[in-house]
Amino acid sequence: MKIRPLNDAVGVEIIDLDLTEALSDSDAGAIQDAFLEHHLICFRSNPLSRAAFDRVARNFGEPQEQLIRNMRDDDTPTVSILDSTYKTPESKPDDMKLMRLTGWHTDDSYMAKPAKATMLQSLKIPNSGGQTGFSNTRKAYEDLPGDVKARCEGLQAVHSYDTSRAPATAKGLTKVETNETPDVVHPVIRTNDDSGKKAIYVNMNRTDQIVGMDRAESDELLDYLVERMVRPEYRYHHEWSVGDLLLWDNRCLVHSVNMDFPVGETRLHQRILLKGGAPV
């Protein structure tokens, strides 16, 4: 097994590792250390069956079923199938900001106990576009001015399944799914329960308002934090190859998708969310 950096901001790639075989203690320890230090791991692999994907995920945590039922695989419900293909010219907007995935976000923050990590594997990719960008909110926090850190200390924010702050409308939910997603409150600065390191925890698609602030003051601070946490020096943009399997830490990364790819060219992934605890 070889571990190589993806760039200076975030991420490593792991090659010469058969994910379908049991991990040795030394490999498992090295992967965990890399995950906590670099927050994103790319395993170079071949596409896995749904069941094999679930088995691999259990090396790194406990899979959970995602919120939206019609995206769950029928036979392996911990696996969700993400098809972002533009089926018709009309389905691709001229303004990419109208696509929800283009907003910088972290998975599952509308839940009281968000998924700590996401695993995503590419099954089919378009000939151009479709990259996934990641930004390191731990480094962004560490570089904040001291007075801003002091201002943010102890602040909490409401996370909603949908918010007017988001650049695009969220997917519709069933009544059951709506009942499972009441607004929740999370710290603006989150401490990683495994590493003890702090990171900005703001989600463009879900963070609605800071508790105790009026809308204008809250928007001003949230906009400032978003601008800081997605600066180019904190980013890595992943060029997908079929079979690439990414594992990332939702506690200290946000991600965004380049949705500008050709109509009719399939973009298909499978995803697993790993259970986490309540943010602190």
Protein backbone atom coordinates (compact mmCIF):
# COMPACT_ATOMS: atom_id res chain seq x y z
CA MET A 1 0.00 0.00 0.00
CA LYS A 2 1.31 3.44 -0.96
CA ILE A 3 0.02 6.80 0.33
CA ARG A 4 0.66 9.93 -1.74
CA PRO A 5 -0.56 13.52 -1.24
CA LEU A 6 -3.19 14.88 -3.63
CA ASN A 7 -2.20 18.48 -2.95
CA ASP A 8 -1.03 20.72 -0.11
CA ALA A 9 -4.51 21.70 1.02
CA VAL A 10 -6.29 18.40 1.50
CA GLY A 11 -6.23 14.74 0.61
CA VAL A 12 -4.10 11.70 -0.14
CA GLU A 13 -4.46 8.85 -2.60
CA ILE A 14 -3.91 5.22 -1.69
CA ILE A 15 -2.79 2.77 -4.34
CA ASP A 16 -1.86 -0.91 -4.42
CA LEU A 17 -4.53 -1.81 -1.85
CA ASP A 18 -7.22 -4.42 -2.51
CA LEU A 19 -10.27 -3.02 -0.75
CA THR A 20 -12.14 -6.31 -1.04
CA GLU A 21 -9.60 -8.04 1.23
CA ALA A 22 -9.48 -7.64 5.01
CA LEU A 23 -7.25 -4.74 6.10
CA SER A 24 -4.19 -5.54 8.16
CA ASP A 25 -3.86 -3.71 11.47
CA SER A 26 -0.95 -1.67 10.14
CA ASP A 27 -2.83 -0.63 6.97
CA ALA A 28 -5.96 0.24 8.95
CA GLY A 29 -3.91 2.35 11.35
CA ALA A 30 -2.12 4.16 8.52
CA ILE A 31 -5.40 4.91 6.77
CA GLN A 32 -6.96 6.27 9.97
CA ASP A 33 -3.95 8.51 10.60
CA ALA A 34 -4.10 9.80 7.01
CA PHE A 35 -7.83 10.42 7.31
CA LEU A 36 -7.49 12.52 10.46
CA GLU A 37 -4.54 14.49 9.09
CA HIS A 38 -5.63 15.02 5.48
CA HIS A 39 -9.45 14.53 5.76
CA LEU A 40 -9.88 13.07 2.26
CA ILE A 41 -8.67 9.72 0.92
CA CYS A 42 -8.88 8.56 -2.68
CA PHE A 43 -8.67 4.80 -3.12
CA ARG A 44 -7.85 3.84 -6.71
CA SER A 45 -10.18 0.92 -7.33
CA ASN A 46 -12.53 -0.79 -9.73
CA PRO A 47 -16.30 -0.32 -9.36
CA LEU A 48 -17.62 -2.44 -6.53
CA SER A 49 -20.92 -4.27 -6.24
CA ARG A 50 -23.38 -2.67 -3.83
CA ALA A 51 -22.77 -5.39 -1.25
CA ALA A 52 -18.98 -5.14 -1.58
CA PHE A 53 -19.17 -1.36 -1.25
CA ASP A 54 -21.08 -1.77 2.01
CA ARG A 55 -18.51 -4.29 3.30
CA VAL A 56 -15.62 -1.95 2.48
CA ALA A 57 -17.36 0.96 4.23
CA ARG A 58 -17.58 -1.03 7.46
CA ASN A 59 -13.78 -0.84 7.75
CA PHE A 60 -14.19 2.86 8.47
CA GLY A 61 -17.45 3.18 10.43
CA GLU A 62 -21.07 2.13 10.64
CA PRO A 63 -23.13 2.83 7.51
CA GLN A 64 -26.50 4.55 7.86
CA GLU A 65 -29.45 4.72 5.52
CA GLN A 66 -29.71 8.12 3.86
CA LEU A 67 -32.80 10.30 4.22
CA ILE A 68 -34.32 10.14 0.72
CA ARG A 69 -35.84 6.70 0.26
CA ASN A 70 -36.06 6.59 -3.54
CA MET A 71 -32.28 6.91 -3.83
CA ARG A 72 -31.59 3.84 -1.67
CA ASP A 73 -30.54 0.63 -3.38
CA ASP A 74 -33.29 -1.98 -3.06
CA ASP A 75 -30.99 -4.82 -2.02
CA THR A 76 -28.41 -2.84 0.00
CA PRO A 77 -30.29 0.15 1.46
CA THR A 78 -27.20 1.66 3.10
CA VAL A 79 -26.02 2.38 -0.47
CA SER A 80 -27.62 5.29 -2.32
CA ILE A 81 -27.41 5.73 -6.09
CA LEU A 82 -26.63 9.25 -7.26
CA ASP A 83 -27.45 9.86 -10.92
CA SER A 84 -26.73 13.47 -11.91
CA THR A 85 -26.98 12.88 -15.67
CA TYR A 86 -28.72 15.54 -17.74
CA LYS A 87 -31.28 13.45 -19.59
CA THR A 88 -32.53 16.29 -21.82
CA PRO A 89 -31.18 19.72 -22.86
CA GLU A 90 -33.94 21.35 -20.80
CA SER A 91 -32.71 19.66 -17.62
CA LYS A 92 -29.40 21.56 -17.73
CA PRO A 93 -29.81 25.19 -16.66
CA ASP A 94 -27.79 28.03 -18.16
CA ASP A 95 -26.92 29.23 -14.64
CA MET A 96 -25.01 26.52 -12.76
CA LYS A 97 -25.83 28.22 -9.45
CA LEU A 98 -29.35 26.87 -9.88
CA MET A 99 -27.97 23.37 -9.31
CA ARG A 100 -27.97 22.44 -5.63
CA LEU A 101 -24.74 20.44 -5.79
CA THR A 102 -22.73 23.50 -6.85
CA GLY A 103 -23.13 25.09 -3.41
CA TRP A 104 -20.33 24.38 -0.93
CA HIS A 105 -21.85 21.98 1.57
CA THR A 106 -21.22 19.20 4.04
CA ASP A 107 -23.41 16.11 4.01
CA ASP A 108 -26.23 15.54 6.46
CA SER A 109 -25.86 18.71 8.59
CA TYR A 110 -29.66 19.04 8.78
CA MET A 111 -29.63 15.99 11.08
CA ALA A 112 -29.13 16.11 14.87
CA LYS A 113 -26.32 13.58 14.42
CA PRO A 114 -24.84 14.21 10.95
CA ALA A 115 -22.83 11.57 9.14
CA LYS A 116 -19.19 11.94 10.17
CA ALA A 117 -17.90 10.73 6.81
CA THR A 118 -19.01 10.07 3.26
CA MET A 119 -17.83 7.36 0.86
CA LEU A 120 -18.48 8.02 -2.82
CA GLN A 121 -17.47 5.83 -5.75
CA SER A 122 -17.71 6.74 -9.42
CA LEU A 123 -19.43 4.18 -11.65
CA LYS A 124 -19.75 6.20 -14.88
CA ILE A 125 -18.39 9.67 -15.64
CA PRO A 126 -18.84 12.20 -18.45
CA ASN A 127 -16.03 13.05 -20.85
CA SER A 128 -15.64 16.53 -19.35
CA GLY A 129 -16.73 18.41 -16.25
CA GLY A 130 -18.24 16.77 -13.19
CA GLN A 131 -15.25 17.31 -10.87
CA THR A 132 -15.87 17.38 -7.11
CA GLY A 133 -14.14 20.16 -5.20
CA PHE A 134 -13.21 19.97 -1.52
CA SER A 135 -12.20 22.75 0.86
CA ASN A 136 -10.44 22.35 4.19
CA THR A 137 -12.43 24.18 6.87
CA ARG A 138 -9.95 23.18 9.58
CA LYS A 139 -7.15 25.11 7.90
CA ALA A 140 -9.57 27.95 7.21
CA TYR A 141 -10.44 28.14 10.91
CA GLU A 142 -6.79 28.07 11.96
CA ASP A 143 -6.10 31.04 9.66
CA LEU A 144 -9.00 33.18 10.93
CA PRO A 145 -8.03 36.45 12.65
CA GLY A 146 -8.01 36.16 16.42
CA ASP A 147 -10.90 38.58 16.88
CA VAL A 148 -13.08 36.53 14.52
CA LYS A 149 -12.26 33.32 16.39
CA ALA A 150 -13.25 35.07 19.62
CA ARG A 151 -16.49 36.32 18.05
CA CYS A 152 -17.42 32.84 16.84
CA GLU A 153 -16.61 31.07 20.11
CA GLY A 154 -19.77 29.48 21.47
CA LEU A 155 -22.00 30.58 18.59
CA GLN A 156 -24.61 28.17 17.29
CA ALA A 157 -26.57 28.18 14.05
CA VAL A 158 -29.82 26.67 12.81
CA HIS A 159 -29.45 24.09 10.04
CA SER A 160 -32.54 23.45 7.92
CA TYR A 161 -33.20 20.92 5.20
CA ASP A 162 -33.93 23.95 3.02
CA THR A 163 -33.08 27.61 3.59
CA SER A 164 -33.48 30.83 1.63
CA ARG A 165 -29.70 31.26 1.92
CA ALA A 166 -29.13 28.26 -0.36
CA PRO A 167 -28.36 29.00 -4.02
CA ALA A 168 -30.99 26.48 -5.20
CA THR A 169 -34.09 24.72 -3.91
CA ALA A 170 -33.66 21.39 -2.14
CA LYS A 171 -35.08 18.08 -3.38
CA GLY A 172 -38.70 17.51 -2.41
CA LEU A 173 -39.36 15.20 0.52
CA THR A 174 -42.15 12.80 1.39
CA LYS A 175 -44.20 13.47 4.52
CA VAL A 176 -42.20 10.82 6.40
CA GLU A 177 -38.89 12.38 5.33
CA THR A 178 -40.11 15.87 6.25
CA ASN A 179 -41.04 14.64 9.73
CA GLU A 180 -37.52 13.25 10.11
CA THR A 181 -35.88 16.60 9.36
CA PRO A 182 -36.92 19.27 11.85
CA ASP A 183 -34.53 22.21 12.14
CA VAL A 184 -31.47 21.47 14.27
CA VAL A 185 -28.85 23.64 15.98
CA HIS A 186 -25.10 23.06 15.63
CA PRO A 187 -21.98 24.99 16.69
CA VAL A 188 -20.54 27.41 14.15
CA ILE A 189 -17.07 26.15 15.10
CA ARG A 190 -17.02 22.39 15.42
CA THR A 191 -14.48 20.27 17.30
CA ASN A 192 -13.56 16.98 15.63
CA ASP A 193 -14.32 14.30 18.21
CA ASP A 194 -11.48 12.10 16.95
CA SER A 195 -8.67 14.65 16.52
CA GLY A 196 -9.78 17.45 18.87
CA LYS A 197 -9.12 20.03 16.14
CA LYS A 198 -11.56 22.83 15.37
CA ALA A 199 -13.09 23.70 12.00
CA ILE A 200 -15.68 26.09 10.58
CA TYR A 201 -18.99 24.23 10.37
CA VAL A 202 -21.11 26.22 7.91
CA ASN A 203 -23.10 24.67 5.07
CA MET A 204 -24.18 26.94 2.20
CA ASN A 205 -27.13 24.66 1.46
CA ARG A 206 -28.37 24.15 5.04
CA THR A 207 -27.08 26.75 7.53
CA ASP A 208 -29.94 29.23 7.93
CA GLN A 209 -29.24 31.67 10.77
CA ILE A 210 -27.00 32.15 13.79
CA VAL A 211 -28.89 31.83 17.05
CA GLY A 212 -29.33 35.17 18.86
CA MET A 213 -28.54 37.33 15.82
CA ASP A 214 -30.94 39.16 13.55
CA ARG A 215 -30.98 38.08 9.92
CA ALA A 216 -28.72 40.88 8.64
CA GLU A 217 -25.99 40.33 11.25
CA SER A 218 -26.18 36.56 10.85
CA ASP A 219 -25.95 36.77 7.06
CA GLU A 220 -22.95 39.08 7.30
CA LEU A 221 -21.00 36.67 9.51
CA LEU A 222 -22.04 33.53 7.63
CA ASP A 223 -21.10 35.10 4.29
CA TYR A 224 -17.72 36.08 5.71
CA LEU A 225 -17.06 32.57 7.02
CA VAL A 226 -18.08 30.96 3.72
CA GLU A 227 -15.76 33.28 1.81
CA ARG A 228 -12.89 32.42 4.15
CA MET A 229 -13.42 28.67 4.16
CA VAL A 230 -13.53 28.17 0.38
CA ARG A 231 -10.53 30.28 -0.60
CA PRO A 232 -8.39 28.66 -3.32
CA GLU A 233 -5.53 27.86 -0.97
CA TYR A 234 -7.77 25.44 0.98
CA ARG A 235 -9.15 23.58 -2.05
CA TYR A 236 -8.60 20.39 -3.99
CA HIS A 237 -10.62 19.51 -7.12
CA HIS A 238 -10.92 15.82 -7.88
CA GLU A 239 -10.82 14.68 -11.51
CA TRP A 240 -12.75 11.43 -11.42
CA SER A 241 -11.67 8.15 -12.97
CA VAL A 242 -14.15 5.28 -13.06
CA GLY A 243 -13.80 3.28 -9.86
CA ASP A 244 -12.28 6.06 -7.75
CA LEU A 245 -13.57 5.70 -4.20
CA LEU A 246 -13.37 8.79 -2.01
CA LEU A 247 -13.69 8.83 1.77
CA TRP A 248 -13.97 12.26 3.38
CA ASP A 249 -14.54 13.83 6.77
CA ASN A 250 -17.74 15.90 6.91
CA ARG A 251 -16.62 17.47 10.18
CA CYS A 252 -13.88 19.55 8.55
CA LEU A 253 -14.50 19.58 4.80
CA VAL A 254 -17.08 21.11 2.50
CA HIS A 255 -17.52 20.00 -1.09
CA SER A 256 -19.02 21.25 -4.33
CA VAL A 257 -19.68 19.67 -7.74
CA ASN A 258 -18.90 21.16 -11.14
CA MET A 259 -22.27 20.51 -12.78
CA ASP A 260 -21.19 21.79 -16.18
CA PHE A 261 -20.89 18.56 -18.18
CA PRO A 262 -22.47 17.41 -21.45
CA VAL A 263 -26.13 16.53 -21.77
CA GLY A 264 -26.72 12.81 -22.20
CA GLU A 265 -23.34 11.71 -20.81
CA THR A 266 -23.91 9.56 -17.74
CA ARG A 267 -22.59 10.72 -14.36
CA LEU A 268 -23.32 7.96 -11.85
CA HIS A 269 -21.98 7.34 -8.33
CA GLN A 270 -22.78 5.17 -5.35
CA ARG A 271 -22.61 6.62 -1.86
CA ILE A 272 -22.53 5.51 1.77
CA LEU A 273 -22.81 7.76 4.82
CA LEU A 274 -21.03 6.73 8.03
CA LYS A 275 -22.74 7.45 11.33
CA GLY A 276 -21.49 10.32 13.48
CA GLY A 277 -22.31 12.00 16.76
CA ALA A 278 -23.87 15.32 17.68
CA PRO A 279 -21.49 18.18 16.74
CA VAL A 280 -19.73 19.92 19.64
